[in-house]
Protein backbone atom coordinates (compact mmCIF):
# COMPACT_ATOMS: atom_id res chain seq x y z
CA MET A 1 -0.01 0.25 -0.33
CA ALA A 2 1.17 3.36 -0.71
CA THR A 3 0.14 6.72 0.52
CA LEU A 4 -0.85 10.42 -0.57
CA PHE A 5 -0.15 12.39 1.81
CA THR A 6 -2.26 15.52 1.27
CA GLY A 7 -3.37 18.97 3.03
CA ILE A 8 0.33 19.93 3.64
CA ALA A 9 0.15 23.47 4.32
CA GLU A 10 3.95 24.16 4.07
CA LEU A 11 6.64 21.17 2.46
CA THR A 12 9.96 21.12 3.40
CA THR A 13 12.01 18.60 0.95
CA ASN A 14 16.09 19.39 1.60
CA ALA A 15 15.94 17.79 -1.88
CA ASP A 16 16.70 21.41 -4.10
CA ALA A 17 20.30 22.02 -4.04
CA ALA A 18 19.99 24.86 -5.69
CA ALA A 19 17.48 26.37 -3.01
CA PRO A 20 18.37 23.95 0.05
CA THR A 21 15.92 25.65 2.77
CA ALA A 22 13.12 26.15 0.23
CA THR A 23 9.18 25.06 1.05
CA ILE A 24 6.23 23.67 -0.99
CA ALA A 25 3.40 25.54 -0.17
CA ASP A 26 -0.14 23.49 -0.63
CA ALA A 27 1.89 20.40 -1.17
CA ALA A 28 1.31 16.55 -1.57
CA LEU A 29 3.77 14.00 -0.78
CA LEU A 30 3.32 10.18 -1.75
CA VAL A 31 5.29 7.43 -0.07
CA HIS A 32 5.56 3.81 -1.21
CA GLU A 33 7.06 0.93 0.30
CA GLY A 34 8.51 3.08 2.87
CA ARG A 35 10.23 5.74 0.17
CA VAL A 36 9.22 8.97 -0.89
CA ALA A 37 7.74 8.36 -4.23
CA TRP A 38 6.89 11.65 -5.69
CA SER A 39 6.48 15.28 -3.91
CA GLY A 40 5.16 17.87 -5.10
CA ALA A 41 2.45 21.05 -5.66
CA ALA A 42 -1.10 19.08 -4.48
CA ALA A 43 -2.34 20.28 -7.64
CA ASP A 44 -0.22 18.25 -9.92
CA ALA A 45 -0.68 15.24 -7.52
CA GLU A 46 -3.73 13.68 -9.36
CA THR A 47 -1.51 14.45 -12.68
CA ALA A 48 1.83 13.06 -11.04
CA VAL A 49 -0.01 9.96 -10.01
CA GLY A 50 -1.90 9.01 -13.07
CA ALA A 51 1.03 9.89 -15.27
CA ARG A 52 0.34 6.87 -17.58
CA ASP A 53 -2.09 5.55 -19.56
CA SER A 54 -1.45 2.31 -17.24
CA GLY A 55 -2.09 4.34 -13.64
CA LEU A 56 1.18 3.97 -12.71
CA LEU A 57 3.46 6.56 -11.30
CA PRO A 58 7.23 6.03 -13.38
CA GLN A 59 9.55 4.47 -11.67
CA SER A 60 12.71 6.11 -10.17
CA GLY A 61 15.62 4.81 -8.37
CA ALA A 62 14.80 2.66 -5.91
CA VAL A 63 11.34 3.34 -5.63
CA ALA A 64 9.21 1.20 -7.66
CA ALA A 65 5.83 2.10 -9.53
CA VAL A 66 2.56 2.18 -7.81
CA SER A 67 -0.66 1.60 -8.85
CA ARG A 68 -3.70 3.95 -8.24
CA SER A 69 -6.00 1.37 -6.41
CA GLU A 70 -2.88 0.28 -3.84
CA ILE A 71 -3.04 4.72 -2.74
CA GLU A 72 -4.45 5.51 0.75
CA VAL A 73 -4.79 9.23 1.26
CA VAL A 74 -4.20 10.89 4.45
CA ASP A 75 -5.78 14.16 5.09
CA LEU A 76 -2.72 16.00 7.36
CA GLY A 77 -5.55 18.92 7.28
CA GLY A 78 -3.04 22.12 6.59
CA ARG A 79 -0.41 21.08 8.80
CA ALA A 80 3.41 21.65 7.91
CA VAL A 81 5.66 18.57 7.21
CA ILE A 82 9.34 18.15 7.90
CA PRO A 83 11.88 15.60 7.35
CA GLY A 84 12.71 13.72 10.34
CA PHE A 85 15.48 15.02 12.75
CA VAL A 86 19.17 13.44 12.65
CA ASP A 87 20.27 13.56 15.68
CA SER A 88 24.32 13.25 15.72
CA HIS A 89 25.35 13.40 18.48
CA THR A 90 24.06 11.91 21.70
CA HIS A 91 25.14 10.05 24.72
CA LEU A 92 22.28 8.15 25.66
CA VAL A 93 23.49 5.30 27.66
CA PHE A 94 24.39 6.22 31.11
CA SER A 95 23.12 6.21 34.98
CA GLY A 96 22.54 8.75 37.47
CA ASP A 97 21.73 12.47 37.83
CA ARG A 98 23.87 15.70 37.83
CA GLY A 99 20.91 18.26 38.40
CA ASP A 100 23.08 19.71 41.13
CA GLU A 101 25.98 20.33 39.10
CA PHE A 102 23.04 22.65 36.50
CA GLU A 103 21.82 24.33 39.49
CA ALA A 104 25.40 25.29 40.70
CA ARG A 105 25.96 26.48 37.21
CA MET A 106 22.93 28.65 37.18
CA THR A 107 24.56 30.42 40.29
CA GLY A 108 27.92 30.97 39.18
CA THR A 109 30.16 27.70 39.00
CA PRO A 110 32.09 27.34 35.63
CA TYR A 111 31.69 24.33 33.61
CA ALA A 112 34.48 21.75 33.65
CA ALA A 113 34.82 18.26 32.07
CA GLY A 114 35.67 16.20 35.11
CA GLY A 115 32.04 15.73 36.23
CA ILE A 116 31.98 12.92 33.71
CA ARG A 117 33.68 10.51 36.12
CA ARG A 118 30.55 10.82 38.30
CA THR A 119 28.51 9.67 35.86
CA VAL A 120 30.92 7.07 34.91
CA ALA A 121 30.83 5.98 38.51
CA ALA A 122 26.76 5.52 38.34
CA THR A 123 26.70 3.76 35.36
CA ARG A 124 29.33 1.25 36.27
CA ALA A 125 27.27 0.44 38.83
CA ALA A 126 23.91 0.21 37.18
CA SER A 127 22.56 -3.28 35.51
CA ASP A 128 21.88 -3.65 31.84
CA ASP A 129 18.37 -3.63 32.68
CA GLU A 130 18.91 -0.56 34.47
CA LEU A 131 20.37 0.90 32.08
CA ARG A 132 18.10 -0.58 28.82
CA ALA A 133 15.27 0.77 30.73
CA ARG A 134 17.06 4.76 31.23
CA LEU A 135 17.82 4.16 27.21
CA ALA A 136 14.48 3.41 26.14
CA SER A 137 13.12 6.20 27.86
CA LEU A 138 15.48 8.21 26.02
CA VAL A 139 14.71 6.97 22.90
CA ALA A 140 10.68 7.31 23.34
CA GLU A 141 11.27 11.17 24.28
CA LEU A 142 13.09 11.31 20.98
CA HIS A 143 11.12 9.92 18.89
CA ALA A 144 7.55 11.98 20.55
CA GLN A 145 10.09 15.38 19.44
CA GLY A 146 10.57 14.16 15.96
CA THR A 147 13.82 12.78 16.09
CA THR A 148 13.71 9.49 13.56
CA THR A 149 17.94 9.02 13.24
CA PHE A 150 20.30 9.32 16.37
CA GLU A 151 23.70 8.31 16.77
CA VAL A 152 24.61 6.98 20.34
CA LYS A 153 27.84 7.07 22.31
CA THR A 154 29.72 5.24 24.41
CA GLY A 155 32.36 7.39 27.22
CA TYR A 156 30.49 6.45 30.65
CA ASP A 157 32.28 3.54 31.86
CA LEU A 158 35.71 3.86 30.44
CA THR A 159 36.81 -0.06 31.13
CA VAL A 160 37.54 -2.68 28.20
CA GLU A 161 34.16 -4.94 29.70
CA GLY A 162 31.92 -1.87 30.38
CA GLU A 163 32.69 -0.09 27.05
CA ALA A 164 32.26 -2.89 25.09
CA ARG A 165 28.47 -3.48 27.12
CA LEU A 166 27.32 0.12 26.36
CA ALA A 167 28.34 -0.31 22.88
CA ARG A 168 26.02 -3.53 23.11
CA LEU A 169 23.66 -1.36 24.67
CA ALA A 170 23.44 1.17 22.32
CA ALA A 171 23.42 -1.15 19.23
CA GLU A 172 20.34 -2.36 20.28
CA VAL A 173 18.56 0.95 19.30
CA THR A 174 20.56 2.61 16.53
CA ASP A 175 22.90 1.68 13.72
CA GLU A 176 24.87 4.73 14.41
CA VAL A 177 27.37 3.51 17.31
CA THR A 178 30.18 5.87 18.27
CA TYR A 179 33.21 4.65 20.46
CA LEU A 180 34.08 6.86 22.74
CA GLY A 181 36.19 5.90 25.24
CA ALA A 182 38.60 8.73 25.00
CA HIS A 183 36.13 11.01 27.03
CA VAL A 184 37.97 11.59 30.33
CA VAL A 185 41.29 9.65 31.40
CA PRO A 186 39.94 7.89 34.76
CA GLU A 187 40.25 8.60 38.07
CA GLY A 188 43.60 7.14 39.21
CA ALA A 189 44.54 5.62 36.02
CA ASP A 190 48.04 6.08 34.27
CA ARG A 191 47.54 8.75 31.23
CA ALA A 192 50.05 6.79 28.71
CA ALA A 193 48.77 3.38 30.20
CA TYR A 194 45.06 4.50 29.16
CA VAL A 195 45.56 5.94 25.88
CA ASP A 196 47.46 2.65 25.25
CA LEU A 197 43.87 0.51 26.14
CA VAL A 198 42.15 2.68 24.15
CA CYS A 199 44.28 2.04 21.40
CA ASP A 200 44.04 -1.73 21.44
CA ARG A 201 42.29 -4.01 23.80
CA MET A 202 39.08 -1.59 24.31
CA LEU A 203 39.20 -0.85 20.73
CA THR A 204 39.22 -4.32 19.70
CA ALA A 205 36.24 -5.26 22.45
CA VAL A 206 33.69 -2.48 20.90
CA ARG A 207 34.80 -2.91 17.67
CA PRO A 208 31.77 -5.43 16.84
CA HIS A 209 29.15 -2.68 18.17
CA VAL A 210 30.19 0.22 16.50
CA ARG A 211 30.74 2.08 13.49
CA TRP A 212 32.31 5.51 14.41
CA VAL A 213 35.42 6.39 17.15
CA ASP A 214 35.35 9.48 18.48
CA VAL A 215 37.57 11.69 21.48
CA PHE A 216 37.36 14.64 23.58
CA CYS A 217 40.32 16.81 22.13
CA GLU A 218 40.08 19.34 25.01
CA ARG A 219 42.38 20.62 28.26
CA GLY A 220 40.98 18.50 30.80
CA ALA A 221 40.64 16.12 27.89
CA PHE A 222 42.85 14.18 25.93
CA THR A 223 45.67 16.19 23.83
CA GLU A 224 46.06 16.65 20.15
CA ALA A 225 48.76 13.76 19.79
CA GLU A 226 46.56 11.39 22.06
CA SER A 227 43.57 12.42 19.95
CA GLU A 228 44.90 11.60 16.87
CA ARG A 229 46.74 8.44 17.66
CA ILE A 230 43.62 7.40 19.19
CA LEU A 231 41.64 8.37 15.56
CA ARG A 232 44.35 6.80 14.12
CA ALA A 233 43.91 3.81 15.24
CA GLY A 234 39.65 3.54 15.08
CA ALA A 235 39.85 4.40 11.59
CA ALA A 236 42.47 1.75 10.93
CA VAL A 237 39.80 -0.80 11.87
CA GLY A 238 37.39 0.76 9.42
CA LEU A 239 35.81 2.94 11.76
CA GLY A 240 34.76 6.41 10.59
CA VAL A 241 35.78 9.65 12.82
CA ARG A 242 34.44 12.25 14.67
CA VAL A 243 35.95 14.28 17.01
CA HIS A 244 34.38 16.69 20.12
CA GLY A 245 36.49 19.74 19.72
CA ASN A 246 36.84 23.38 20.37
CA GLN A 247 34.58 23.69 23.18
CA LEU A 248 35.89 25.22 25.98
CA GLY A 249 38.10 27.41 24.34
CA GLU A 250 40.60 27.52 21.43
CA GLY A 251 42.44 24.39 20.55
CA PRO A 252 43.53 21.85 18.26
CA GLY A 253 40.44 19.99 17.56
CA VAL A 254 39.11 21.72 14.65
CA GLN A 255 42.22 21.29 12.61
CA LEU A 256 42.74 17.98 14.30
CA ALA A 257 39.56 17.21 12.81
CA VAL A 258 39.76 18.21 9.29
CA ARG A 259 43.44 16.83 8.82
CA VAL A 260 42.22 13.33 9.78
CA GLY A 261 38.99 13.22 7.60
CA ALA A 262 36.49 13.36 10.05
CA ALA A 263 32.93 13.27 9.49
CA SER A 264 32.21 15.95 11.54
CA VAL A 265 33.81 18.08 14.85
CA ASP A 266 31.29 18.70 17.14
CA HIS A 267 30.87 21.86 19.38
CA CYS A 268 32.47 24.46 17.62
CA THR A 269 32.34 26.87 20.19
CA HIS A 270 35.54 28.54 20.18
CA LEU A 271 36.94 29.18 16.23
CA THR A 272 39.61 31.09 14.73
CA ASP A 273 39.69 32.30 11.26
CA ALA A 274 41.78 29.79 10.58
CA ASP A 275 39.69 26.85 11.84
CA ILE A 276 36.77 28.15 10.06
CA ALA A 277 39.04 28.35 6.73
CA ALA A 278 39.74 24.79 7.10
CA LEU A 279 36.32 23.78 7.70
CA ALA A 280 35.35 25.38 4.43
CA GLY A 281 37.51 23.51 2.64
CA SER A 282 37.03 20.22 3.82
CA ASP A 283 34.18 17.83 4.04
CA THR A 284 33.91 17.48 7.68
CA VAL A 285 30.20 18.97 8.85
CA ALA A 286 30.61 21.77 12.01
CA THR A 287 28.02 20.11 14.59
CA LEU A 288 26.84 22.98 16.75
CA LEU A 289 25.54 21.91 20.21
CA PRO A 290 23.40 24.90 21.88
CA GLY A 291 22.02 23.12 24.10
CA VAL A 292 25.04 22.78 25.69
CA GLU A 293 25.87 26.84 25.84
CA PHE A 294 22.11 26.95 27.32
CA SER A 295 23.33 24.72 29.90
CA THR A 296 26.54 25.83 30.97
CA ARG A 297 26.11 29.33 30.11
CA GLN A 298 29.13 29.35 27.78
CA PRO A 299 28.50 31.59 24.72
CA TYR A 300 26.72 30.40 21.75
CA PRO A 301 28.93 29.13 18.57
CA ASP A 302 28.53 31.87 15.50
CA ALA A 303 26.80 29.97 13.29
CA ARG A 304 26.20 32.80 11.11
CA ARG A 305 29.95 33.25 10.62
CA LEU A 306 30.13 29.32 10.04
CA ILE A 307 27.39 29.45 7.28
CA ASP A 308 28.42 32.68 5.83
CA ALA A 309 32.01 30.98 4.77
CA GLY A 310 30.52 28.20 3.05
CA VAL A 311 30.61 25.34 6.58
CA THR A 312 28.58 22.70 5.97
CA VAL A 313 26.25 23.13 10.07
CA ALA A 314 24.50 20.53 12.04
CA LEU A 315 22.59 20.75 15.03
CA ALA A 316 22.33 18.28 17.60
CA SER A 317 21.17 17.55 20.87
CA ASP A 318 24.40 16.38 22.68
CA CYS A 319 21.72 14.69 25.70
CA ASN A 320 23.80 13.46 28.28
CA PRO A 321 23.58 14.16 32.09
CA GLY A 322 26.46 16.94 32.75
CA SER A 323 26.20 19.51 30.41
CA SER A 324 23.01 19.31 28.16
CA PHE A 325 20.01 17.08 29.77
CA THR A 326 17.50 17.65 26.77
CA SER A 327 16.50 15.31 24.04
CA SER A 328 15.00 18.37 22.24
CA MET A 329 15.73 18.76 18.57
CA PRO A 330 12.95 21.59 18.30
CA LEU A 331 14.63 23.47 21.26
CA MET A 332 17.62 23.32 19.25
CA ILE A 333 16.42 24.75 16.46
CA ALA A 334 14.73 27.82 18.66
CA LEU A 335 18.10 28.49 20.55
CA ALA A 336 19.70 28.41 16.82
CA VAL A 337 17.63 30.89 15.56
CA ARG A 338 17.22 32.71 18.99
CA GLU A 339 21.08 32.77 19.67
CA MET A 340 23.33 31.79 16.63
CA GLY A 341 22.51 33.26 14.02
CA MET A 342 20.15 31.42 11.61
CA THR A 343 17.38 31.75 9.83
CA VAL A 344 14.76 29.27 10.52
CA GLY A 345 15.07 27.26 7.38
CA GLU A 346 18.94 27.08 7.91
CA ALA A 347 18.57 25.67 11.46
CA VAL A 348 15.92 23.06 10.11
CA TRP A 349 18.09 22.30 7.13
CA ALA A 350 20.90 21.59 10.28
CA ALA A 351 18.94 19.73 12.09
CA THR A 352 17.57 17.32 9.62
CA ALA A 353 20.10 17.08 6.11
CA GLY A 354 23.06 18.84 8.27
CA GLY A 355 22.90 16.02 10.85
CA ALA A 356 22.60 13.33 7.92
CA HIS A 357 25.67 14.44 6.31
CA ALA A 358 27.17 14.57 10.05
CA LEU A 359 26.65 11.07 9.93
CA ARG A 360 27.59 10.34 5.65
CA ARG A 361 23.66 8.90 5.23
CA GLY A 362 22.52 10.21 2.38
CA ASP A 363 18.90 7.90 2.87
CA VAL A 364 17.71 10.42 5.46
CA GLY A 365 17.55 13.98 6.26
CA HIS A 366 15.24 15.13 3.56
CA LEU A 367 12.56 13.98 1.21
CA ALA A 368 13.84 13.48 -2.10
CA THR A 369 12.49 10.89 -4.17
CA GLY A 370 13.66 7.32 -3.37
CA ALA A 371 14.97 8.88 0.48
CA ARG A 372 13.40 6.73 3.29
CA ALA A 373 9.96 8.56 4.17
CA ASP A 374 11.09 9.77 7.73
CA LEU A 375 8.49 13.05 8.46
CA VAL A 376 7.14 14.78 10.40
CA VAL A 377 3.78 16.28 11.29
CA LEU A 378 3.68 19.46 12.70
CA ASP A 379 0.65 21.17 14.38
CA ALA A 380 1.62 24.14 12.96
CA PRO A 381 1.00 25.52 9.59
CA SER A 382 4.81 26.33 8.83
CA ARG A 383 8.29 25.32 10.41
CA ARG A 384 8.75 28.47 11.55
CA HIS A 385 6.71 27.68 14.62
CA LEU A 386 9.58 25.73 16.23
CA ALA A 387 11.13 28.83 16.84
CA TYR A 388 8.04 31.41 17.16
CA ARG A 389 6.22 28.58 19.42
CA PRO A 390 9.76 27.28 21.80
CA GLY A 391 8.62 24.80 24.15
CA VAL A 392 5.23 23.92 22.68
CA PRO A 393 4.92 20.38 21.87
CA LEU A 394 4.11 20.49 18.09
CA VAL A 395 5.54 17.16 16.77
CA HIS A 396 1.93 15.83 15.43
CA ARG A 397 2.65 12.69 13.89
CA VAL A 398 5.98 10.77 13.05
CA TYR A 399 6.61 8.06 10.88
CA ARG A 400 9.60 6.49 10.22
CA GLY A 401 9.93 4.49 6.56
CA GLY A 402 6.29 5.70 6.55
CA GLU A 403 5.02 3.74 8.83
CA VAL A 404 3.84 5.81 12.46
CA LEU A 405 6.81 5.91 14.50
CA ARG A 406 6.40 4.05 17.92
CA PRO A 407 8.70 4.06 20.32
CA ARG A 408 10.38 0.33 21.10
């Protein structure tokens, strides 16, 4: 069965390379076998579906022909439709709570990376079932807010067996799992020996469950030399590369990410002109995490400066218990528009297509013909309401692969 969505007041497809943030007013969208088969003006839907005398929609790429008799019509009643959000940076497998740190920051205590060790202790003490239950609740939050593709990092155990456990649990809910044994050096560990472990036995243990390797290249975490060694070790066994960089101040993270061909460098709060030039001349995505700045009272990244320089920008939630305990991509859009100089169209693109670029995914983040039919129906006539009405639950319905998404 195919589905023709009609009554779309505004459709965002991210499909036009010449006008990537454009929308289609009074639109329709045809989904068949879990993929987008056609999109365009509602006035053209009948012609498109009945394009041949046989009543078949012409085949295009991965989309099979569909007969008119197989089509179910769903009237969305004047709502807006956007692609499903792609959250390319989360830390969802953990235990414990650090709300006291948040409250302290709100009264002037500066953020520091060392709080990660508190979560490590709590996570080590939790059972698989306890971690799985917390993970399921967070995934349900993501789905309810329109996220249809998401990445999950390890990094809250920092032992060989523990990191493998976190990777295995993360792989139960997503194909996009990142090895972050290089989150911080564990309390009391020998630094050089721990880097050796991350590059060798720990990497071997997590490898069956992960697609990516990441490192926190920042003061208080890992040096440039340590970070490069860890990333190259991961790349040598076939992992894609990601970097946490330039969060707490100017540093080597961005230049390192470009040098090793990372898919994404995340945070990018403090950038030099040379950093921006390097990103603009590369395929590395600058993934901005405004929930962190909201929660830590750091300056927001300058998205306008990056976009104007030609850098590909993504938005992600960085959902984690220490510095950004939110799973809301709509909130990231509102913050990006209010605080980072982005237009609504740019922010929605960054939260969908930008995230897909950061994960090197061509099948999600857009609604071009052949894309996986991941779409968010908004209880609003326009996507601009995501920024215009912050904090309001505007997600009416979420589809993944053409099916209504329900939490696992």
